[in-house]
Protein backbone atom coordinates (compact mmCIF):
# COMPACT_ATOMS: atom_id res chain seq x y z
CA MET A 1 51.78 -34.81 34.30
CA LYS A 2 51.15 -34.16 30.60
CA LYS A 3 54.10 -33.63 28.37
CA TYR A 4 53.90 -31.28 25.40
CA GLY A 5 56.28 -31.11 22.47
CA LEU A 6 58.19 -27.95 21.61
CA ALA A 7 56.02 -27.16 18.62
CA LEU A 8 52.90 -27.21 20.82
CA GLN A 9 54.52 -25.12 23.47
CA ILE A 10 55.62 -22.48 20.93
CA LEU A 11 52.09 -22.49 19.39
CA ILE A 12 50.60 -21.84 22.82
CA GLY A 13 53.08 -19.02 23.43
CA LEU A 14 52.23 -17.55 19.96
CA ILE A 15 48.43 -17.69 20.57
CA LEU A 16 48.87 -16.20 24.17
CA GLY A 17 51.11 -13.49 22.79
CA ILE A 18 48.52 -12.47 20.11
CA VAL A 19 45.73 -12.44 22.75
CA VAL A 20 47.77 -10.31 25.24
CA GLY A 21 48.89 -7.89 22.48
CA ALA A 22 45.40 -7.53 21.15
CA ILE A 23 43.95 -6.85 24.71
CA PHE A 24 46.56 -4.31 25.55
CA PHE A 25 46.84 -2.73 22.06
CA GLY A 26 48.42 0.76 22.33
CA ASN A 27 49.59 0.20 25.92
CA PRO A 28 53.34 1.02 26.03
CA GLU A 29 53.86 -0.97 29.20
CA VAL A 30 53.45 -4.18 27.27
CA LYS A 31 56.68 -3.39 25.42
CA THR A 32 58.34 -2.36 28.68
CA TYR A 33 57.71 -5.73 30.36
CA LEU A 34 57.80 -8.13 27.47
CA GLN A 35 60.53 -6.76 25.19
CA PRO A 36 63.37 -7.70 27.59
CA ILE A 37 62.11 -11.39 27.55
CA GLY A 38 62.18 -11.42 23.79
CA ASP A 39 65.53 -9.75 23.65
CA ILE A 40 67.09 -12.27 26.13
CA PHE A 41 65.80 -15.10 23.97
CA LEU A 42 67.29 -13.55 20.75
CA ARG A 43 70.56 -12.85 22.50
CA LEU A 44 70.75 -16.45 23.67
CA ILE A 45 70.40 -17.71 20.12
CA LYS A 46 72.98 -15.20 18.76
CA MET A 47 75.36 -16.24 21.47
CA ILE A 48 75.55 -19.88 20.19
CA VAL A 49 75.40 -19.38 16.43
CA VAL A 50 79.04 -18.46 15.83
CA PRO A 51 80.59 -21.23 17.93
CA ILE A 52 78.46 -23.82 16.31
CA VAL A 53 79.26 -22.62 12.72
CA ILE A 54 82.94 -22.39 13.37
CA SER A 55 83.20 -25.84 15.11
CA THR A 56 81.01 -27.85 12.79
CA LEU A 57 82.58 -26.22 9.70
CA ILE A 58 86.13 -26.86 10.74
CA VAL A 59 85.34 -30.50 11.55
CA GLY A 60 83.47 -30.99 8.30
CA VAL A 61 86.08 -29.38 6.11
CA ALA A 62 88.88 -31.24 7.80
CA GLY A 63 86.97 -34.45 7.09
CA VAL A 64 86.88 -33.58 3.37
CA GLY A 65 90.49 -32.40 3.29
CA ASP A 66 90.46 -31.74 -0.49
CA VAL A 67 90.63 -28.18 -1.78
CA LYS A 68 89.36 -29.13 -5.27
CA LYS A 69 86.43 -31.09 -3.91
CA LEU A 70 85.42 -28.29 -1.49
CA GLY A 71 85.79 -25.72 -4.34
CA LYS A 72 83.46 -27.87 -6.46
CA ILE A 73 80.92 -27.98 -3.67
CA GLY A 74 81.08 -24.17 -3.19
CA GLY A 75 80.62 -23.57 -6.97
CA LYS A 76 77.55 -25.86 -7.10
CA THR A 77 76.12 -24.28 -4.02
CA ILE A 78 76.39 -20.64 -5.35
CA LEU A 79 75.00 -21.75 -8.74
CA TYR A 80 72.01 -23.48 -7.15
CA PHE A 81 71.33 -20.48 -4.99
CA GLU A 82 71.35 -18.05 -7.86
CA ILE A 83 68.98 -20.23 -9.89
CA VAL A 84 66.46 -20.72 -7.11
CA THR A 85 66.37 -17.11 -6.00
CA THR A 86 65.92 -15.95 -9.63
CA VAL A 87 62.97 -18.26 -9.96
CA ALA A 88 61.61 -16.74 -6.68
CA ILE A 89 61.95 -13.14 -8.12
CA ILE A 90 60.20 -14.21 -11.41
CA ILE A 91 57.28 -15.78 -9.45
CA GLY A 92 56.92 -12.59 -7.36
CA LEU A 93 56.72 -10.52 -10.48
CA LEU A 94 54.25 -12.86 -12.25
CA VAL A 95 51.93 -12.98 -9.27
CA ALA A 96 51.91 -9.15 -8.85
CA ASN A 97 51.22 -8.75 -12.58
CA LEU A 98 48.43 -11.33 -12.43
CA PHE A 99 46.53 -10.21 -9.32
CA HIS A 100 47.42 -6.46 -9.20
CA PRO A 101 47.37 -6.24 -5.34
CA GLY A 102 48.23 -2.53 -5.34
CA THR A 103 45.51 -1.40 -7.80
CA GLY A 104 42.66 0.49 -6.16
CA VAL A 105 44.39 0.77 -2.79
CA ASP A 106 43.19 4.03 -1.02
CA MET A 107 46.30 5.50 0.41
CA SER A 108 44.37 7.84 2.68
CA GLN A 109 43.28 4.77 4.71
CA LEU A 110 46.81 3.57 5.27
CA THR A 111 48.94 4.49 8.24
CA LYS A 112 52.39 5.80 7.55
CA THR A 113 55.23 4.29 9.50
CA ASP A 114 58.61 5.86 10.12
CA ILE A 115 61.21 4.17 7.83
CA HIS A 116 64.06 6.50 8.82
CA GLN A 117 66.16 3.66 10.21
CA TYR A 118 65.94 1.67 7.03
CA VAL A 119 66.82 4.71 4.90
CA GLU A 120 69.99 5.20 6.99
CA ALA A 121 70.81 1.57 6.52
CA ALA A 122 70.33 1.87 2.81
CA GLU A 123 72.48 4.94 2.68
CA GLY A 124 75.20 3.15 4.65
CA ALA A 125 75.10 0.27 2.18
CA GLY A 126 74.93 2.59 -0.83
CA GLY A 127 78.55 2.03 -1.85
CA HIS A 128 78.36 -1.67 -1.03
CA SER A 129 78.14 -3.43 -4.35
CA PHE A 130 77.93 -7.09 -5.25
CA ILE A 131 81.74 -7.08 -5.81
CA ASP A 132 82.23 -5.53 -2.38
CA THR A 133 80.38 -8.49 -0.89
CA PHE A 134 82.93 -10.89 -2.31
CA VAL A 135 85.84 -8.73 -1.21
CA ASN A 136 84.44 -8.54 2.31
CA ILE A 137 84.22 -12.35 2.59
CA VAL A 138 87.93 -12.17 3.32
CA PRO A 139 88.16 -10.80 6.87
CA LYS A 140 90.86 -8.28 7.89
CA ASN A 141 90.59 -9.59 11.48
CA ILE A 142 88.74 -12.88 12.26
CA PHE A 143 88.08 -11.78 15.85
CA ASP A 144 86.44 -8.55 14.57
CA ALA A 145 84.31 -10.63 12.20
CA ILE A 146 83.21 -12.91 15.12
CA VAL A 147 82.29 -9.91 17.15
CA ARG A 148 80.19 -8.42 14.35
CA GLY A 149 78.73 -11.78 13.44
CA ASP A 150 79.94 -11.46 9.81
CA MET A 151 78.84 -14.95 8.79
CA LEU A 152 80.53 -15.00 5.28
CA ALA A 153 83.90 -13.86 6.65
CA ILE A 154 83.54 -16.50 9.51
CA ILE A 155 82.85 -19.24 6.91
CA PHE A 156 85.81 -18.26 4.80
CA PHE A 157 88.14 -18.44 7.77
CA SER A 158 86.73 -21.65 9.09
CA VAL A 159 87.10 -23.35 5.63
CA LEU A 160 90.73 -22.32 5.38
CA PHE A 161 91.39 -23.34 8.94
CA GLY A 162 89.72 -26.74 8.35
CA LEU A 163 91.87 -27.27 5.28
CA GLY A 164 94.95 -26.41 7.24
CA VAL A 165 94.05 -28.93 9.95
CA ALA A 166 93.55 -31.62 7.32
CA ALA A 167 96.91 -30.78 5.68
CA ILE A 168 98.96 -31.37 8.82
CA GLY A 169 97.67 -34.95 9.19
CA GLU A 170 98.22 -36.57 12.52
CA ARG A 171 99.16 -33.35 14.30
CA GLY A 172 95.65 -31.99 13.40
CA LYS A 173 93.81 -34.87 15.17
CA PRO A 174 93.82 -33.13 18.59
CA VAL A 175 92.41 -29.94 16.92
CA ILE A 176 89.60 -31.90 15.26
CA SER A 177 88.82 -33.67 18.56
CA PHE A 178 88.67 -30.28 20.30
CA PHE A 179 86.24 -28.72 17.87
CA GLN A 180 84.14 -31.89 17.84
CA GLY A 181 83.79 -31.47 21.56
CA VAL A 182 82.87 -27.79 21.17
CA ALA A 183 80.17 -28.71 18.53
CA SER A 184 78.65 -31.46 20.71
CA ALA A 185 78.63 -29.13 23.80
CA MET A 186 77.03 -26.29 21.84
CA PHE A 187 74.28 -28.52 20.52
CA TRP A 188 73.55 -29.50 24.10
CA VAL A 189 73.44 -25.78 24.97
CA THR A 190 71.11 -25.22 22.02
CA ASN A 191 68.61 -27.81 23.28
CA GLN A 192 68.56 -26.11 26.70
CA ILE A 193 67.94 -22.71 25.23
CA MET A 194 65.07 -24.06 23.12
CA LYS A 195 63.23 -24.69 26.42
CA PHE A 196 63.03 -20.93 26.78
CA ALA A 197 61.60 -20.54 23.18
CA PRO A 198 57.88 -20.50 24.08
CA PHE A 199 58.51 -17.52 26.46
CA GLY A 200 60.55 -15.67 23.83
CA VAL A 201 57.83 -16.17 21.21
CA PHE A 202 55.11 -15.04 23.63
CA ALA A 203 57.02 -11.81 24.39
CA LEU A 204 58.06 -11.01 20.83
CA ILE A 205 54.60 -11.56 19.21
CA GLY A 206 52.90 -9.75 22.14
CA VAL A 207 54.98 -6.64 21.61
CA THR A 208 54.30 -6.77 17.82
CA VAL A 209 50.54 -7.03 18.19
CA SER A 210 50.36 -4.48 20.93
CA THR A 211 52.33 -2.00 18.88
CA PHE A 212 50.72 -2.35 15.47
CA GLY A 213 47.36 -4.01 16.31
CA LEU A 214 45.40 -6.43 14.17
CA LYS A 215 43.48 -3.57 12.53
CA SER A 216 46.61 -2.60 10.61
CA LEU A 217 46.13 -5.70 8.49
CA LEU A 218 42.76 -4.72 7.12
CA PRO A 219 43.61 -1.99 4.57
CA LEU A 220 46.44 -4.17 3.19
CA GLY A 221 44.69 -7.46 3.61
CA LYS A 222 44.95 -8.25 -0.14
CA LEU A 223 48.69 -7.90 0.00
CA VAL A 224 49.09 -10.06 3.10
CA ILE A 225 46.86 -12.86 1.65
CA LEU A 226 48.58 -12.72 -1.70
CA VAL A 227 52.11 -12.89 -0.13
CA TYR A 228 51.13 -15.80 2.13
CA ALA A 229 49.43 -17.68 -0.77
CA THR A 230 52.44 -17.10 -3.12
CA MET A 231 54.86 -18.33 -0.40
CA ILE A 232 52.80 -21.49 0.06
CA PHE A 233 52.74 -21.98 -3.75
CA PHE A 234 56.56 -21.53 -3.95
CA VAL A 235 57.18 -24.08 -1.14
CA LEU A 236 54.78 -26.79 -2.33
CA VAL A 237 55.32 -26.40 -6.14
CA VAL A 238 58.82 -25.06 -6.77
CA LEU A 239 60.66 -26.44 -3.68
CA GLY A 240 58.39 -29.46 -3.76
CA ALA A 241 59.52 -30.26 -7.35
CA ILE A 242 63.19 -29.73 -6.43
CA ALA A 243 62.79 -31.96 -3.42
CA LYS A 244 61.09 -34.71 -5.53
CA LYS A 245 63.90 -34.44 -8.03
CA SER A 246 66.37 -35.01 -5.15
CA GLY A 247 64.47 -38.08 -3.95
CA VAL A 248 62.82 -36.57 -0.91
CA SER A 249 59.37 -35.28 -0.03
CA ILE A 250 58.90 -31.61 0.82
CA PHE A 251 56.23 -32.74 3.34
CA SER A 252 58.74 -35.00 5.05
CA LEU A 253 61.23 -32.12 5.28
CA ILE A 254 58.53 -29.85 6.72
CA ARG A 255 57.48 -32.62 9.19
CA ILE A 256 60.96 -32.98 10.67
CA LEU A 257 61.48 -29.18 10.78
CA LYS A 258 58.04 -28.35 12.24
CA ASP A 259 59.39 -27.06 15.56
CA GLU A 260 61.97 -24.90 13.95
CA LEU A 261 59.60 -23.56 11.27
CA LEU A 262 57.07 -22.54 13.99
CA LEU A 263 59.87 -20.87 15.97
CA ALA A 264 61.19 -19.02 12.87
CA TYR A 265 57.62 -17.89 11.99
CA SER A 266 56.93 -16.64 15.47
CA THR A 267 60.21 -14.73 15.93
CA SER A 268 60.66 -13.55 12.28
CA SER A 269 64.22 -14.75 12.62
CA SER A 270 65.88 -17.59 10.77
CA GLU A 271 68.95 -17.13 12.90
CA THR A 272 67.08 -18.54 15.85
CA VAL A 273 66.86 -21.91 14.27
CA LEU A 274 70.24 -22.15 12.48
CA PRO A 275 71.92 -24.47 14.96
CA ARG A 276 68.97 -26.88 15.07
CA ILE A 277 68.55 -26.82 11.34
CA MET A 278 72.24 -27.81 10.83
CA GLU A 279 71.80 -30.63 13.38
CA LYS A 280 68.57 -32.05 11.99
CA MET A 281 69.75 -31.91 8.29
CA GLU A 282 72.79 -34.02 9.32
CA GLN A 283 70.36 -36.55 10.93
CA PHE A 284 68.30 -36.39 7.78
CA GLY A 285 71.18 -37.85 5.79
CA CYS A 286 73.35 -34.84 4.67
CA PRO A 287 77.06 -35.06 5.51
CA ARG A 288 78.40 -32.56 8.05
CA ALA A 289 80.87 -31.02 5.60
CA ILE A 290 78.06 -30.01 3.25
CA THR A 291 75.46 -29.10 5.91
CA SER A 292 77.90 -26.84 7.85
CA PHE A 293 78.88 -24.98 4.58
CA VAL A 294 75.64 -24.77 2.65
CA ILE A 295 73.20 -23.71 5.40
CA PRO A 296 75.21 -20.70 6.85
CA THR A 297 76.13 -19.58 3.40
CA GLY A 298 72.46 -19.72 2.34
CA TYR A 299 71.61 -17.23 5.07
CA SER A 300 73.33 -14.64 2.83
CA PHE A 301 72.83 -15.99 -0.64
CA ASN A 302 69.69 -18.09 -0.67
CA LEU A 303 66.86 -15.96 0.74
CA ASP A 304 64.07 -17.37 -1.45
CA GLY A 305 61.16 -15.93 0.65
CA SER A 306 62.83 -12.51 0.91
CA THR A 307 63.54 -12.14 -2.81
CA LEU A 308 60.07 -13.37 -3.72
CA TYR A 309 58.51 -10.78 -1.38
CA GLN A 310 60.81 -7.93 -2.66
CA ALA A 311 59.68 -8.51 -6.19
CA LEU A 312 56.09 -8.60 -5.32
CA ALA A 313 56.20 -5.59 -2.94
CA ALA A 314 58.06 -3.48 -5.49
CA LEU A 315 55.23 -3.92 -8.02
CA PHE A 316 52.58 -3.49 -5.32
CA ILE A 317 53.97 -0.07 -4.52
CA ALA A 318 54.17 0.87 -8.23
CA GLN A 319 50.54 -0.18 -8.68
CA MET A 320 49.47 1.69 -5.52
CA TYR A 321 50.88 4.93 -7.11
CA GLY A 322 49.27 4.08 -10.49
CA ILE A 323 52.72 3.55 -12.09
CA HIS A 324 52.83 1.17 -15.04
CA LEU A 325 56.09 -0.73 -15.28
CA PRO A 326 56.58 -2.19 -18.76
CA ILE A 327 58.27 -5.57 -19.33
CA GLY A 328 61.63 -4.09 -19.97
CA THR A 329 61.55 -2.14 -16.73
CA GLN A 330 60.47 -5.26 -14.84
CA ILE A 331 63.46 -7.22 -16.32
CA THR A 332 65.72 -4.42 -15.09
CA LEU A 333 63.99 -4.68 -11.64
CA MET A 334 64.68 -8.42 -11.64
CA LEU A 335 68.36 -7.88 -12.54
CA VAL A 336 68.78 -5.23 -9.88
CA LEU A 337 67.12 -7.45 -7.23
CA MET A 338 69.42 -10.31 -8.12
CA ILE A 339 72.37 -8.12 -7.34
CA THR A 340 71.13 -6.00 -4.42
CA SER A 341 69.73 -8.99 -2.52
CA LYS A 342 73.26 -10.41 -2.25
CA GLY A 343 75.18 -7.15 -2.35
CA ILE A 344 73.90 -5.98 1.04
CA ALA A 345 73.51 -9.33 2.72
CA GLY A 346 73.82 -8.95 6.49
CA VAL A 347 72.42 -5.42 6.72
CA PRO A 348 69.74 -5.12 9.51
CA GLY A 349 66.19 -5.04 7.99
CA VAL A 350 67.74 -6.38 4.75
CA SER A 351 64.39 -6.82 2.89
CA PHE A 352 63.40 -3.23 3.41
CA VAL A 353 66.98 -2.03 2.70
CA VAL A 354 66.90 -4.01 -0.61
CA LEU A 355 63.61 -2.47 -1.63
CA LEU A 356 64.90 1.06 -0.85
CA ALA A 357 67.96 0.30 -2.99
CA THR A 358 65.78 -1.17 -5.82
CA LEU A 359 62.77 1.05 -6.20
CA GLY A 360 64.88 4.11 -7.13
CA SER A 361 66.28 2.18 -10.12
CA VAL A 362 62.78 1.87 -11.58
CA ASN A 363 61.55 5.30 -10.61
CA VAL A 364 59.06 4.06 -7.97
CA PRO A 365 58.48 6.46 -5.00
CA LEU A 366 60.43 5.25 -1.91
CA GLU A 367 57.77 6.76 0.36
CA GLY A 368 55.48 3.89 -0.65
CA LEU A 369 57.49 1.71 1.75
CA ALA A 370 56.13 3.74 4.69
CA PHE A 371 52.62 2.45 3.98
CA ILE A 372 53.55 -1.25 4.23
CA ALA A 373 56.20 -0.94 7.06
CA GLY A 374 53.45 -1.35 9.64
CA ILE A 375 52.64 -4.90 8.45
CA ASP A 376 56.17 -5.87 7.55
CA ARG A 377 56.51 -8.01 10.74
CA ILE A 378 53.53 -10.11 9.58
CA LEU A 379 55.00 -10.52 6.11
CA ASP A 380 58.47 -11.16 7.52
CA MET A 381 57.12 -14.12 9.47
CA ALA A 382 56.13 -15.84 6.16
CA ARG A 383 59.25 -15.09 4.22
CA THR A 384 61.39 -16.34 7.13
CA VAL A 385 59.72 -19.71 7.02
CA VAL A 386 60.39 -19.93 3.24
CA ASN A 387 64.02 -18.92 3.75
CA VAL A 388 64.46 -21.71 6.35
CA ILE A 389 62.85 -24.43 4.13
CA GLY A 390 64.82 -23.27 1.10
CA ASN A 391 68.23 -23.45 2.92
CA SER A 392 67.38 -26.80 4.49
CA LEU A 393 66.45 -28.22 1.12
CA ALA A 394 69.59 -26.79 -0.39
CA ALA A 395 71.67 -28.99 1.97
CA VAL A 396 69.88 -32.08 0.49
CA VAL A 397 70.22 -30.92 -3.07
CA ILE A 398 73.95 -30.35 -2.85
CA SER A 399 74.48 -33.63 -0.97
CA LYS A 400 72.53 -35.41 -3.70
CA TRP A 401 74.51 -33.63 -6.40
CA GLU A 402 77.75 -34.71 -4.74
CA GLY A 403 76.47 -38.32 -4.37
CA GLN A 404 76.84 -38.09 -0.57
CA TYR A 405 73.18 -38.05 0.52
CA ASP A 406 72.32 -40.98 2.71
CA ALA A 407 68.68 -41.76 1.71
CA GLU A 408 68.33 -44.67 4.22
CA LYS A 409 69.42 -42.47 7.08
CA GLY A 410 66.92 -39.81 6.04
CA LYS A 411 64.05 -42.34 5.90
CA GLU A 412 64.91 -43.76 9.32
CA TYR A 413 64.93 -40.28 10.74
CA VAL A 414 61.53 -39.37 9.20
CA THR A 415 60.18 -42.64 10.65
CA SER A 416 61.57 -41.92 14.09
CA VAL A 417 60.03 -38.46 14.03
CA LYS A 418 56.62 -39.98 13.16
CA MET A 419 56.91 -42.50 16.03
CA ASN A 420 57.87 -39.86 18.50
CA LYS A 421 54.92 -37.78 17.44
CA GLN A 422 52.60 -40.75 18.01
CA LEU A 423 54.12 -41.43 21.41
CA GLU A 424 53.61 -37.71 22.33
CA THR A 425 49.96 -37.92 21.29
CA VAL A 426 49.40 -41.08 23.43
CA GLU A 427 51.03 -39.41 26.42
CA ASN A 428 48.84 -36.33 26.09
CA CYS A 429 45.59 -38.31 26.00
């Protein structure tokens, strides 16, 4: 009996989902039968994210046990996130100015999509400023934060709790042992859930293609190609340079994360791979204390792919309407994006909500979003992959910055991944 790796299984599920969606395009029964499968998979992932973040963070912080050291790590992390996301915004603006993807687009050929849900989300987040984000990091009720999946509030509580456990010395050891057991058990559960991933991918991509169809890509093909090309450039050049400076290869990072990247791409959800990313980056040589803090925090503050896309899409819509945005206005756009992309972190459909909150500040018609909403899922797949790579690399960068990155452990893990791949190939022959 042939054995296939998770990446190949997910790829097969992705291809079959596209085929089924294309064959039954416009048939509502596809969504009726497949959507529950996709929803079950996403629910399974969401079920395990919070317990893993809490348990690994408490164990990691308790291991550090130093408030000043942890504060230094937090400061470096936020600084790094802000620098890299700003670079992503600048690249998005430069590419849009260079290639003008929105110039000459015939809006009469485009299909308008209902964006009412995003408008409501944007209105709900209207009074939610960058300062409010920091205020809301402190939870009024930790159990309420857990129920809502408010990751920043959960991280804040877990860090404080971990420091408390470290402060009580010997009496805290049973607590650490308990959470170590929880983390180990939840990683086992994660591996079992991943066996269902190909079916979840098949269902989610099948519903997407059957709803929007492949034809929806044609009128906006230039935008799709440009977004994907820019994302690839950002990963290979910008993140590649950062990785090289940190003493690792971006290709090695992509190789060890191939299963997770394919899963994130297929589901358009970086949350689906959070537990596995944390586990793998620890195996790659990053200490648990840094991995368990940096990666979950990055899900709110280090969305490189999303911010790059938001900058590019904002100029695309302006060009589509024939609106010229001078340099001064584009600088304003960049500054607004730097704030709004963090200020409404955690809001559903965050990329669209950020664009809605941003376009008005530079007098670009919000209705333009309705023309690109139909292909947003295709674009979301690309930016999700970049977000995952960016957050994984951030763990290496901060570990290296703190002098805690285990390069030998990282090399051994990459070698073991290569050997496993070769064994897999031999077994499949």
